Amino acid sequence: MIRSDCHLHSSFSSDSDTPMEHMVLRGIELGLTSVCMTEHLDYDYPPNEEGLDFLLDFDSYYKEYLRLKDKYQDKIELFFGIELGLMPHLDARYQKVTDSYDFDFVIGSSHLVDGMDPYEPEYFQKYDSRQGVRRYFESIYENITSCRHVDYQVYGHLDYVIRYAPDKNTFFHFADYQDILDEILIALIKSEKGIEVNTAGLKYGLGQPNPHIDILKRYRELGGSILTIGSDGHKPEHMAYDFHKLPAILKEAGFDHYTLFRKRKPYEIPILL
């Protein structure tokens, strides 16, 4: 019953080779009412074996977005978004980005910690599993409290680090990190920003979306209500991944709605079982 996917990447993102039109067509095929492209922008991403720079050609991206929005306007609503890889020293640069383009939706996220992506083996060579997860959460709090001028609406995949931990989430217990997670969630709520439910966690075999349901429950207990839904799909076959599992998960976490953004303004959609 969830008919909107608000975290998607195409060939405008360094880590996808899928034309945007293929993503839109797949959304139509799936019966989605809307999709939001959220192409990657990660300034200062370090050199890597894959040669990914995570920079974005804004003009080409926006031109293609407008073309497809017009072409398929009678079949699906297409939103214009971006995913920013936040770091404290990038506040002013990302503020310029969010002030310069008419985005519907901006995701703030953490991909780099101390110059390393947990996706890369070196991260968990430096840290053991528990240290690596805690350091990742600490970096999120640093980003939230430092990037005060960036107009993002939600923080994406809060426990992204779990996807790549050596033992994934078999060791994860919310209580072990509640102190720092509470600081993160309270800071987001106070700044009127939400969080994302990202089904790539299910795709990666965690048995949970990102973030873990215990984090979702705590966010709700603390008064959080802004919750967006995304697959983090980089290929058509990953769009709306396991969305059918989400209504029960969200209801268990205490939510009766999720949120969409148009022109960065929220509106709630009821969750129906």
Protein backbone atom coordinates (compact mmCIF):
# COMPACT_ATOMS: atom_id res chain seq x y z
CA MET A 1 0.00 0.00 0.00
CA ILE A 2 3.04 2.29 -0.09
CA ARG A 3 3.01 3.77 -3.57
CA SER A 4 5.86 6.30 -3.44
CA ASP A 5 9.60 5.65 -3.56
CA CYS A 6 11.55 8.69 -2.37
CA HIS A 7 15.16 7.53 -2.56
CA LEU A 8 16.37 6.58 -6.04
CA HIS A 9 19.52 6.89 -8.12
CA SER A 10 20.21 6.80 -11.84
CA SER A 11 23.25 7.26 -14.07
CA PHE A 12 23.53 10.84 -12.78
CA SER A 13 24.92 9.21 -9.62
CA SER A 14 28.45 7.80 -9.82
CA ASP A 15 27.40 4.37 -8.55
CA SER A 16 24.59 3.72 -11.05
CA ASP A 17 24.55 3.16 -14.78
CA THR A 18 20.76 3.10 -15.18
CA PRO A 19 19.16 5.82 -17.34
CA MET A 20 16.70 7.86 -15.33
CA GLU A 21 13.93 7.07 -17.80
CA HIS A 22 14.29 3.35 -17.01
CA MET A 23 13.70 4.11 -13.33
CA VAL A 24 10.61 6.14 -14.15
CA LEU A 25 9.22 3.42 -16.41
CA ARG A 26 9.77 0.83 -13.71
CA GLY A 27 7.90 3.01 -11.24
CA ILE A 28 4.96 3.14 -13.64
CA GLU A 29 5.12 -0.63 -14.12
CA LEU A 30 5.02 -1.12 -10.34
CA GLY A 31 1.93 1.08 -10.04
CA LEU A 32 3.67 3.77 -8.01
CA THR A 33 1.97 7.14 -7.86
CA SER A 34 5.24 9.06 -7.44
CA VAL A 35 8.99 8.67 -7.40
CA CYS A 36 11.72 11.04 -6.28
CA MET A 37 15.16 10.94 -7.83
CA THR A 38 17.77 11.71 -5.17
CA GLU A 39 21.08 11.71 -7.00
CA HIS A 40 24.31 11.57 -5.00
CA LEU A 41 26.45 14.59 -4.20
CA ASP A 42 29.39 13.86 -1.91
CA TYR A 43 31.94 16.62 -1.98
CA ASP A 44 35.47 15.59 -1.00
CA TYR A 45 34.86 11.88 -1.53
CA PRO A 46 38.31 10.26 -1.41
CA PRO A 47 39.97 8.48 -4.37
CA ASN A 48 38.91 4.85 -4.60
CA GLU A 49 39.49 1.75 -6.72
CA GLU A 50 36.13 2.10 -8.44
CA GLY A 51 36.93 5.64 -9.56
CA LEU A 52 33.70 7.04 -8.08
CA ASP A 53 33.72 10.78 -7.39
CA PHE A 54 30.05 11.27 -6.38
CA LEU A 55 29.87 14.66 -8.06
CA LEU A 56 26.78 15.76 -9.98
CA ASP A 57 26.14 17.49 -13.28
CA PHE A 58 23.26 19.64 -12.05
CA ASP A 59 22.29 21.18 -15.39
CA SER A 60 22.03 17.84 -17.21
CA TYR A 61 20.23 16.25 -14.27
CA TYR A 62 17.64 19.00 -14.03
CA LYS A 63 17.10 19.07 -17.81
CA GLU A 64 16.41 15.34 -17.91
CA TYR A 65 14.17 15.55 -14.86
CA LEU A 66 12.03 18.23 -16.53
CA ARG A 67 11.82 16.23 -19.76
CA LEU A 68 10.63 13.08 -17.99
CA LYS A 69 8.32 14.94 -15.63
CA ASP A 70 6.54 16.39 -18.64
CA LYS A 71 6.61 13.19 -20.71
CA TYR A 72 5.06 11.00 -18.02
CA GLN A 73 2.94 13.54 -16.16
CA ASP A 74 -0.25 11.58 -16.84
CA LYS A 75 1.23 8.34 -15.49
CA ILE A 76 3.37 9.20 -12.48
CA GLU A 77 4.46 12.22 -10.46
CA LEU A 78 8.20 12.80 -10.60
CA PHE A 79 9.93 14.74 -7.82
CA PHE A 80 13.33 16.45 -7.98
CA GLY A 81 15.67 15.53 -5.15
CA ILE A 82 19.23 15.06 -4.03
CA GLU A 83 21.20 13.09 -1.43
CA LEU A 84 23.97 15.08 0.20
CA GLY A 85 26.86 13.36 1.94
CA LEU A 86 27.13 15.62 4.98
CA MET A 87 30.35 16.50 6.78
CA PRO A 88 30.91 19.44 9.14
CA HIS A 89 33.27 21.37 6.88
CA LEU A 90 30.81 21.24 3.96
CA ASP A 91 28.00 23.25 5.55
CA ALA A 92 28.51 26.38 3.43
CA ARG A 93 29.05 24.47 0.17
CA TYR A 94 25.89 22.44 0.63
CA GLN A 95 23.93 25.50 1.71
CA LYS A 96 24.76 27.02 -1.66
CA VAL A 97 23.44 23.89 -3.39
CA THR A 98 20.16 23.76 -1.48
CA ASP A 99 19.66 27.52 -1.94
CA SER A 100 20.36 27.39 -5.69
CA TYR A 101 18.02 24.66 -6.94
CA ASP A 102 14.30 24.11 -6.61
CA PHE A 103 14.42 20.68 -5.00
CA ASP A 104 11.30 18.94 -3.79
CA PHE A 105 13.24 16.81 -1.32
CA VAL A 106 16.75 16.78 0.12
CA ILE A 107 18.22 13.83 2.01
CA GLY A 108 21.16 14.41 4.31
CA SER A 109 23.21 11.29 4.87
CA SER A 110 26.54 10.00 6.14
CA HIS A 111 28.78 8.02 3.84
CA LEU A 112 32.18 9.12 5.13
CA VAL A 113 33.56 8.82 8.64
CA ASP A 114 37.07 10.08 9.30
CA GLY A 115 37.64 10.10 5.56
CA MET A 116 36.50 6.48 5.13
CA ASP A 117 33.32 4.91 3.80
CA PRO A 118 32.18 1.91 5.89
CA TYR A 119 31.50 0.29 2.52
CA GLU A 120 35.27 0.01 2.05
CA PRO A 121 37.14 -2.78 3.93
CA GLU A 122 39.59 -0.32 5.51
CA TYR A 123 36.87 1.05 7.80
CA PHE A 124 36.38 -2.18 9.72
CA GLN A 125 40.09 -2.87 9.57
CA LYS A 126 40.58 0.28 11.64
CA TYR A 127 37.61 -0.30 13.97
CA ASP A 128 36.07 -3.44 15.38
CA SER A 129 32.34 -3.82 14.82
CA ARG A 130 31.15 -2.02 17.96
CA GLN A 131 33.69 0.78 17.69
CA GLY A 132 32.90 1.26 14.01
CA VAL A 133 29.17 1.50 14.59
CA ARG A 134 29.55 3.92 17.51
CA ARG A 135 31.98 6.12 15.60
CA TYR A 136 29.53 6.24 12.70
CA PHE A 137 26.73 7.41 14.98
CA GLU A 138 29.01 9.98 16.60
CA SER A 139 29.80 11.37 13.15
CA ILE A 140 26.09 11.72 12.37
CA TYR A 141 25.61 13.81 15.49
CA GLU A 142 28.58 15.96 14.48
CA ASN A 143 27.03 16.48 11.05
CA ILE A 144 23.61 17.40 12.42
CA THR A 145 25.02 19.95 14.83
CA SER A 146 27.48 21.42 12.32
CA CYS A 147 25.46 21.52 9.09
CA ARG A 148 22.90 23.99 10.36
CA HIS A 149 22.49 25.94 7.13
CA VAL A 150 21.77 23.03 4.79
CA ASP A 151 18.07 22.75 3.96
CA TYR A 152 17.63 18.97 4.14
CA GLN A 153 14.36 17.34 5.19
CA VAL A 154 15.40 13.94 6.55
CA TYR A 155 18.51 12.07 7.57
CA GLY A 156 18.86 8.97 5.41
CA HIS A 157 19.67 5.38 6.40
CA LEU A 158 20.74 6.25 9.95
CA ASP A 159 22.42 2.89 10.51
CA TYR A 160 23.95 2.54 7.04
CA VAL A 161 27.12 1.32 8.73
CA ILE A 162 25.37 -1.92 9.75
CA ARG A 163 25.11 -3.02 6.11
CA TYR A 164 28.88 -3.41 5.91
CA ALA A 165 29.85 -4.46 9.42
CA PRO A 166 31.63 -7.84 9.44
CA ASP A 167 28.77 -9.51 11.32
CA LYS A 168 26.12 -7.16 9.95
CA ASN A 169 23.36 -6.71 12.54
CA THR A 170 23.74 -9.97 14.45
CA PHE A 171 25.43 -8.06 17.27
CA PHE A 172 23.31 -4.90 17.10
CA HIS A 173 21.44 -4.02 20.28
CA PHE A 174 19.82 -0.62 20.49
CA ALA A 175 20.64 -0.30 24.18
CA ASP A 176 24.37 -0.41 23.41
CA TYR A 177 24.07 2.85 21.46
CA GLN A 178 20.99 4.47 22.98
CA ASP A 179 22.95 7.38 24.45
CA ILE A 180 24.26 8.62 21.10
CA LEU A 181 21.15 7.60 19.16
CA ASP A 182 18.95 9.59 21.54
CA GLU A 183 21.16 12.63 20.96
CA ILE A 184 20.80 12.18 17.20
CA LEU A 185 17.03 11.73 17.27
CA ILE A 186 16.41 14.61 19.68
CA ALA A 187 18.59 16.93 17.60
CA LEU A 188 16.68 16.02 14.43
CA ILE A 189 13.30 16.47 16.10
CA LYS A 190 14.29 19.86 17.54
CA SER A 191 15.41 21.03 14.12
CA GLU A 192 12.14 19.76 12.56
CA LYS A 193 13.89 17.22 10.41
CA GLY A 194 12.80 13.64 9.96
CA ILE A 195 14.35 10.28 9.24
CA GLU A 196 14.09 7.83 6.38
CA VAL A 197 13.03 4.20 6.31
CA ASN A 198 15.32 2.68 3.71
CA THR A 199 14.57 -0.85 2.48
CA ALA A 200 18.11 -1.47 1.25
CA GLY A 201 18.66 -3.01 4.69
CA LEU A 202 16.25 -5.75 3.68
CA LYS A 203 17.99 -6.10 0.33
CA TYR A 204 21.34 -6.52 2.12
CA GLY A 205 19.93 -9.37 4.21
CA LEU A 206 19.67 -7.56 7.54
CA GLY A 207 16.10 -8.68 8.12
CA GLN A 208 15.34 -5.05 8.93
CA PRO A 209 15.15 -1.80 6.99
CA ASN A 210 17.64 0.95 7.78
CA PRO A 211 17.24 2.02 10.49
CA HIS A 212 16.45 -0.92 12.76
CA ILE A 213 12.89 -1.02 14.10
CA ASP A 214 14.15 -0.28 17.62
CA ILE A 215 15.48 3.06 16.36
CA LEU A 216 12.15 3.76 14.67
CA LYS A 217 10.30 2.99 17.90
CA ARG A 218 12.54 5.29 19.91
CA TYR A 219 12.17 8.08 17.37
CA ARG A 220 8.39 7.81 17.75
CA GLU A 221 8.60 7.68 21.56
CA LEU A 222 10.62 10.91 21.53
CA GLY A 223 7.94 12.63 19.45
CA GLY A 224 9.30 12.15 15.94
CA SER A 225 6.70 12.06 13.20
CA ILE A 226 8.44 12.86 9.89
CA LEU A 227 9.20 9.55 8.20
CA THR A 228 9.92 9.08 4.49
CA ILE A 229 10.13 5.82 2.54
CA GLY A 230 12.81 4.90 0.01
CA SER A 231 14.38 1.84 -1.54
CA ASP A 232 17.76 3.44 -2.27
CA GLY A 233 17.40 1.69 -5.62
CA HIS A 234 20.21 2.11 -8.15
CA LYS A 235 18.62 -0.33 -10.62
CA PRO A 236 15.00 -0.77 -11.75
CA GLU A 237 14.73 -4.19 -10.10
CA HIS A 238 15.49 -2.67 -6.69
CA MET A 239 12.76 -0.04 -6.77
CA ALA A 240 10.12 -0.29 -4.01
CA TYR A 241 12.13 -3.23 -2.66
CA ASP A 242 10.06 -5.17 -0.08
CA PHE A 243 7.70 -2.23 0.36
CA HIS A 244 4.96 -4.75 1.12
CA LYS A 245 6.70 -5.51 4.42
CA LEU A 246 6.74 -1.92 5.63
CA PRO A 247 3.15 -1.25 6.77
CA ALA A 248 3.39 -3.90 9.50
CA ILE A 249 6.88 -2.71 10.54
CA LEU A 250 5.79 0.92 10.71
CA LYS A 251 2.62 0.11 12.60
CA GLU A 252 4.66 -1.87 15.14
CA ALA A 253 6.95 1.15 15.51
CA GLY A 254 3.94 3.36 16.28
CA PHE A 255 3.39 5.12 12.96
CA ASP A 256 0.06 5.49 11.18
CA HIS A 257 1.45 7.59 8.32
CA TYR A 258 4.54 8.34 6.27
CA THR A 259 5.60 11.64 4.72
CA LEU A 260 6.10 12.96 1.20
CA PHE A 261 7.70 16.27 0.29
CA ARG A 262 6.74 18.62 -2.53
CA LYS A 263 8.82 21.81 -2.80
CA ARG A 264 10.30 20.77 0.55
CA LYS A 265 6.90 21.00 2.24
CA PRO A 266 5.67 17.85 4.03
CA TYR A 267 2.36 16.12 3.69
CA GLU A 268 1.27 12.93 5.42
CA ILE A 269 0.03 9.75 3.76
CA PRO A 270 -1.93 7.24 5.89
CA ILE A 271 -0.50 3.75 6.23
CA LEU A 272 -3.06 1.12 5.33
CA LEU A 273 -2.63 -2.55 6.22
